[in-house]
Amino acid sequence: MGGFGTWLAAAAALALAASASAAEWANLDDANKRGARKVSAAYLVGKVVLVCRAHEHAERLGEIWASFRRKNFVALGSFAKAPADAKYPVYAGSGPEGWNPQSALCVVDAKGDVVYTGGDLAQATEAAVESITAFVAAPDYSTWRKYLDFEARELPGRAINHLAEVKKDKRISASVGYKAASKELAAREKELKANPAYVRLAKLEQLVAQVREYSPANKRARVKFTKAKIETEAKKYADLKESEDPVVAREAKNCLADLAWAAAEL
């Protein structure tokens, strides 16, 4: 077994390893929801999550959410009561399973690995920013490859986009590791694109990225969005959330949720 078959075997091994280390989420249910946006464990796949159970950080948590909410990031309040006017999701007792009860803060990276626990908000924020950067603009080939393997398994639409984007990133595409794996990566891209649902997910992910970056105040925006336009575009992909492939359905639902939130803010 060679070529793409070899990669499939490797991906299966990676999946088993990921399932052992990835965070499992507690109390993300309606009974524990205390306000603001609704999230779920499925929605958090591919997101960097900063969880806070210290109510004194509630206001600052809102500021962090406002700064990074256009990225693949979620600020999650683990409070018994939602702060007044909280814009970020609040679920009582929420967080990754096994989180140290003595720690006020926790950061989970996009692959679902806990990368920080402690009580220093500045350190937690730094860990979150590093995780966001590593996922969307990896500094080197090994980091990029680690996240690509995760995306190809869990977020195939986003993986297609990142495979295309990295060709333009000389830091990675010119590296020895990338050149050595170029044939394998080309085969992976071809295999992903052979699935029409994955190709549509890639276009949906591109739409989400455009909408996230859009601001009505930006008069030079390449694409203008209104609530009606976002809703119309979202309908083109609504069928994907009913896919029998759970990976396709989850990625589509998450993207459509982001579009719905963006539309509600316009």
Protein backbone atom coordinates (compact mmCIF):
# COMPACT_ATOMS: atom_id res chain seq x y z
CA MET A 1 0.00 0.00 0.00
CA GLY A 2 1.60 3.28 -1.07
CA GLY A 3 0.82 6.84 -2.03
CA PHE A 4 -2.54 8.01 -0.78
CA GLY A 5 -3.23 4.62 0.79
CA THR A 6 -0.20 5.12 3.02
CA TRP A 7 -1.52 8.52 4.05
CA LEU A 8 -4.92 7.01 4.90
CA ALA A 9 -3.26 4.54 7.25
CA ALA A 10 -1.27 7.37 8.84
CA ALA A 11 -4.41 9.49 9.15
CA ALA A 12 -6.18 6.64 10.93
CA ALA A 13 -3.34 6.44 13.43
CA LEU A 14 -3.47 10.21 13.89
CA ALA A 15 -7.20 10.01 14.49
CA LEU A 16 -6.72 7.50 17.28
CA ALA A 17 -4.03 9.67 18.85
CA ALA A 18 -6.18 12.78 18.54
CA SER A 19 -9.18 11.12 20.12
CA ALA A 20 -7.06 10.25 23.12
CA SER A 21 -5.73 13.78 23.66
CA ALA A 22 -8.47 16.06 22.31
CA ALA A 23 -10.66 17.84 24.82
CA GLU A 24 -14.10 16.53 25.71
CA TRP A 25 -16.46 19.32 26.73
CA ALA A 26 -18.63 19.42 29.83
CA ASN A 27 -21.93 21.23 30.43
CA LEU A 28 -22.44 22.70 26.96
CA ASP A 29 -26.17 22.03 27.08
CA ASP A 30 -29.37 24.05 27.36
CA ALA A 31 -29.66 23.34 31.10
CA ASN A 32 -26.36 25.16 31.74
CA LYS A 33 -26.70 27.95 29.20
CA ARG A 34 -26.75 31.31 30.96
CA GLY A 35 -26.85 33.78 28.11
CA ALA A 36 -25.55 35.15 24.82
CA ARG A 37 -24.66 32.85 21.96
CA LYS A 38 -25.32 29.15 21.82
CA VAL A 39 -22.39 26.81 21.22
CA SER A 40 -21.82 23.07 21.32
CA ALA A 41 -18.92 20.65 21.48
CA ALA A 42 -19.32 20.10 17.73
CA TYR A 43 -19.13 23.85 17.09
CA LEU A 44 -15.83 24.10 18.97
CA VAL A 45 -14.05 21.69 16.60
CA GLY A 46 -11.36 23.74 14.86
CA LYS A 47 -11.78 26.69 17.24
CA VAL A 48 -9.33 28.08 19.78
CA VAL A 49 -11.23 28.38 23.06
CA LEU A 50 -10.37 30.53 26.07
CA VAL A 51 -12.44 29.37 29.03
CA CYS A 52 -12.79 31.49 32.15
CA ARG A 53 -14.45 30.55 35.46
CA ALA A 54 -13.25 33.64 37.39
CA HIS A 55 -16.06 36.20 37.34
CA GLU A 56 -13.64 39.07 37.99
CA HIS A 57 -12.26 38.53 34.48
CA ALA A 58 -15.70 38.72 32.88
CA GLU A 59 -15.30 42.24 31.48
CA ARG A 60 -11.81 41.62 30.16
CA LEU A 61 -13.01 38.34 28.62
CA GLY A 62 -15.56 40.37 26.68
CA GLU A 63 -12.79 42.62 25.37
CA ILE A 64 -10.75 39.61 24.26
CA TRP A 65 -13.80 38.16 22.54
CA ALA A 66 -14.37 41.45 20.71
CA SER A 67 -10.74 41.51 19.55
CA PHE A 68 -10.56 37.96 18.19
CA ARG A 69 -14.12 36.88 17.45
CA ARG A 70 -13.55 37.27 13.70
CA LYS A 71 -10.95 34.50 13.92
CA ASN A 72 -11.58 30.83 14.67
CA PHE A 73 -11.85 31.75 18.33
CA VAL A 74 -14.40 31.46 21.12
CA ALA A 75 -14.31 33.10 24.55
CA LEU A 76 -16.35 30.90 26.89
CA GLY A 77 -17.59 32.05 30.27
CA SER A 78 -17.90 29.23 32.81
CA PHE A 79 -19.97 31.32 35.21
CA ALA A 80 -23.00 30.43 37.29
CA LYS A 81 -24.59 33.69 36.11
CA ALA A 82 -23.97 35.56 32.86
CA PRO A 83 -22.47 39.04 33.27
CA ALA A 84 -24.68 41.92 32.19
CA ASP A 85 -24.60 42.47 28.43
CA ALA A 86 -22.23 39.55 27.82
CA LYS A 87 -21.72 38.99 24.10
CA TYR A 88 -19.76 35.76 24.45
CA PRO A 89 -21.32 32.38 25.30
CA VAL A 90 -21.76 31.58 28.98
CA TYR A 91 -22.41 28.05 30.25
CA ALA A 92 -22.29 27.29 33.98
CA GLY A 93 -19.52 24.85 34.83
CA SER A 94 -18.41 24.50 31.21
CA GLY A 95 -14.92 23.56 30.11
CA PRO A 96 -12.82 20.62 28.99
CA GLU A 97 -13.29 17.41 30.98
CA GLY A 98 -10.64 17.00 33.65
CA TRP A 99 -9.83 20.70 33.85
CA ASN A 100 -8.11 21.43 37.17
CA PRO A 101 -10.82 22.86 39.46
CA GLN A 102 -8.23 25.18 41.01
CA SER A 103 -7.45 26.87 37.68
CA ALA A 104 -9.39 29.98 36.74
CA LEU A 105 -8.45 29.89 33.07
CA CYS A 106 -7.95 27.31 30.37
CA VAL A 107 -7.02 27.49 26.68
CA VAL A 108 -7.82 24.72 24.22
CA ASP A 109 -6.21 24.91 20.79
CA ALA A 110 -7.91 24.29 17.44
CA LYS A 111 -7.07 20.57 17.54
CA GLY A 112 -8.74 20.19 20.92
CA ASP A 113 -5.55 20.00 22.99
CA VAL A 114 -5.32 21.88 26.29
CA VAL A 115 -2.36 24.27 25.94
CA TYR A 116 -2.78 26.39 29.08
CA THR A 117 -4.30 26.13 32.53
CA GLY A 118 -3.69 28.60 35.32
CA GLY A 119 -4.76 31.91 36.76
CA ASP A 120 -2.86 34.51 34.70
CA LEU A 121 -5.14 36.15 32.14
CA ALA A 122 -2.23 37.69 30.23
CA GLN A 123 -0.58 34.28 29.84
CA ALA A 124 -3.88 32.68 28.84
CA THR A 125 -4.45 35.36 26.22
CA GLU A 126 -0.94 34.89 24.87
CA ALA A 127 -1.52 31.14 24.61
CA ALA A 128 -4.79 31.76 22.75
CA VAL A 129 -3.15 34.19 20.31
CA GLU A 130 -0.29 31.75 19.64
CA SER A 131 -2.82 28.98 18.96
CA ILE A 132 -4.85 31.17 16.61
CA THR A 133 -1.70 32.18 14.71
CA ALA A 134 -0.42 28.61 14.47
CA PHE A 135 -3.72 27.47 12.97
CA VAL A 136 -4.29 30.24 10.41
CA ALA A 137 -0.68 31.24 9.62
CA ALA A 138 1.67 28.51 10.75
CA PRO A 139 5.26 29.76 11.19
CA ASP A 140 6.92 26.67 9.70
CA TYR A 141 6.27 23.47 7.77
CA SER A 142 6.06 21.11 10.75
CA THR A 143 3.43 23.26 12.47
CA TRP A 144 1.48 23.69 9.25
CA ARG A 145 1.60 19.95 8.56
CA LYS A 146 0.34 19.13 12.05
CA TYR A 147 -2.72 21.32 11.55
CA LEU A 148 -3.23 20.16 7.95
CA ASP A 149 -3.45 16.54 9.09
CA PHE A 150 -6.10 17.60 11.60
CA GLU A 151 -8.03 19.65 9.02
CA ALA A 152 -8.00 16.95 6.37
CA ARG A 153 -9.67 14.64 8.86
CA GLU A 154 -12.05 17.04 10.59
CA LEU A 155 -12.41 20.13 8.35
CA PRO A 156 -11.87 19.02 4.74
CA GLY A 157 -13.23 22.24 3.24
CA ARG A 158 -10.77 24.33 5.21
CA ALA A 159 -8.00 21.85 4.36
CA ILE A 160 -8.55 22.39 0.64
CA ASN A 161 -8.23 26.14 1.13
CA HIS A 162 -5.08 25.84 3.21
CA LEU A 163 -3.46 23.50 0.69
CA ALA A 164 -4.05 26.15 -1.95
CA GLU A 165 -2.95 29.05 0.26
CA VAL A 166 0.32 27.49 1.34
CA LYS A 167 1.55 27.38 -2.25
CA LYS A 168 1.71 31.17 -2.07
CA ASP A 169 3.44 31.15 1.33
CA LYS A 170 7.17 31.02 0.58
CA ARG A 171 8.04 30.40 4.24
CA ILE A 172 6.44 26.98 3.94
CA SER A 173 6.33 26.10 0.25
CA ALA A 174 10.08 26.75 -0.09
CA SER A 175 10.97 24.63 2.95
CA VAL A 176 12.74 21.28 2.66
CA GLY A 177 9.90 19.47 4.39
CA TYR A 178 7.28 20.81 1.98
CA LYS A 179 9.36 19.99 -1.09
CA ALA A 180 9.97 16.46 0.12
CA ALA A 181 6.26 15.89 0.62
CA SER A 182 5.03 17.81 -2.43
CA LYS A 183 3.85 14.74 -4.36
CA GLU A 184 2.02 13.35 -1.34
CA LEU A 185 0.38 16.72 -0.66
CA ALA A 186 -0.67 17.04 -4.31
CA ALA A 187 -2.26 13.59 -4.08
CA ARG A 188 -4.06 14.58 -0.89
CA GLU A 189 -5.38 17.78 -2.48
CA LYS A 190 -6.59 15.82 -5.50
CA GLU A 191 -8.34 13.27 -3.30
CA LEU A 192 -10.07 15.95 -1.23
CA LYS A 193 -11.21 17.82 -4.34
CA ALA A 194 -12.62 14.61 -5.80
CA ASN A 195 -15.42 14.87 -3.23
CA PRO A 196 -17.95 17.48 -4.46
CA ALA A 197 -19.18 18.10 -0.91
CA TYR A 198 -15.65 18.98 0.22
CA VAL A 199 -15.26 21.42 -2.67
CA ARG A 200 -18.51 23.13 -1.70
CA LEU A 201 -17.35 23.26 1.92
CA ALA A 202 -14.18 25.01 0.76
CA LYS A 203 -16.31 27.66 -0.97
CA LEU A 204 -18.47 27.99 2.14
CA GLU A 205 -15.36 28.44 4.31
CA GLN A 206 -14.18 31.17 1.91
CA LEU A 207 -17.53 32.92 2.26
CA VAL A 208 -17.31 32.77 6.06
CA ALA A 209 -13.81 34.26 5.94
CA GLN A 210 -15.00 37.14 3.74
CA VAL A 211 -17.98 37.85 5.97
CA ARG A 212 -15.87 37.75 9.14
CA GLU A 213 -13.51 40.36 7.76
CA TYR A 214 -16.24 42.59 6.37
CA SER A 215 -17.13 45.86 8.03
CA PRO A 216 -19.82 48.26 6.75
CA ALA A 217 -17.38 51.07 7.58
CA ASN A 218 -14.84 49.69 5.08
CA LYS A 219 -15.77 51.54 1.91
CA ARG A 220 -13.06 49.70 -0.03
CA ALA A 221 -14.29 46.22 0.83
CA ARG A 222 -14.00 43.93 -2.20
CA VAL A 223 -17.39 42.39 -1.48
CA LYS A 224 -20.25 44.28 0.17
CA PHE A 225 -22.47 42.31 2.51
CA THR A 226 -25.92 42.95 3.87
CA LYS A 227 -28.00 40.73 6.11
CA ALA A 228 -30.11 39.71 3.10
CA LYS A 229 -27.03 38.92 0.98
CA ILE A 230 -25.49 36.73 3.68
CA GLU A 231 -28.76 34.86 4.18
CA THR A 232 -29.14 34.34 0.42
CA GLU A 233 -25.59 33.02 0.07
CA ALA A 234 -26.02 30.74 3.10
CA LYS A 235 -29.08 29.08 1.55
CA LYS A 236 -26.90 27.80 -1.30
CA TYR A 237 -25.12 25.55 1.17
CA ALA A 238 -27.94 24.69 3.57
CA ASP A 239 -28.30 21.16 2.18
CA LEU A 240 -24.76 20.29 3.33
CA LYS A 241 -25.80 20.29 6.98
CA GLU A 242 -28.10 17.35 6.19
CA SER A 243 -25.25 15.29 4.73
CA GLU A 244 -24.95 11.67 5.80
CA ASP A 245 -21.23 12.29 6.22
CA PRO A 246 -20.97 13.60 9.82
CA VAL A 247 -17.78 15.53 9.05
CA VAL A 248 -19.45 17.37 6.17
CA ALA A 249 -22.58 18.04 8.20
CA ARG A 250 -20.62 19.39 11.18
CA GLU A 251 -18.36 21.71 9.17
CA ALA A 252 -21.38 23.03 7.25
CA LYS A 253 -23.40 23.63 10.42
CA ASN A 254 -20.52 25.49 12.04
CA CYS A 255 -20.00 27.71 8.99
CA LEU A 256 -23.70 28.43 8.68
CA ALA A 257 -23.88 29.32 12.38
CA ASP A 258 -21.06 31.83 11.87
CA LEU A 259 -22.90 33.34 8.90
CA ALA A 260 -26.13 33.58 10.89
CA TRP A 261 -24.35 35.40 13.72
CA ALA A 262 -22.69 37.77 11.27
CA ALA A 263 -26.01 38.50 9.57
CA ALA A 264 -27.65 39.22 12.91
CA GLU A 265 -25.04 41.88 13.62
CA LEU A 266 -25.69 43.84 10.40
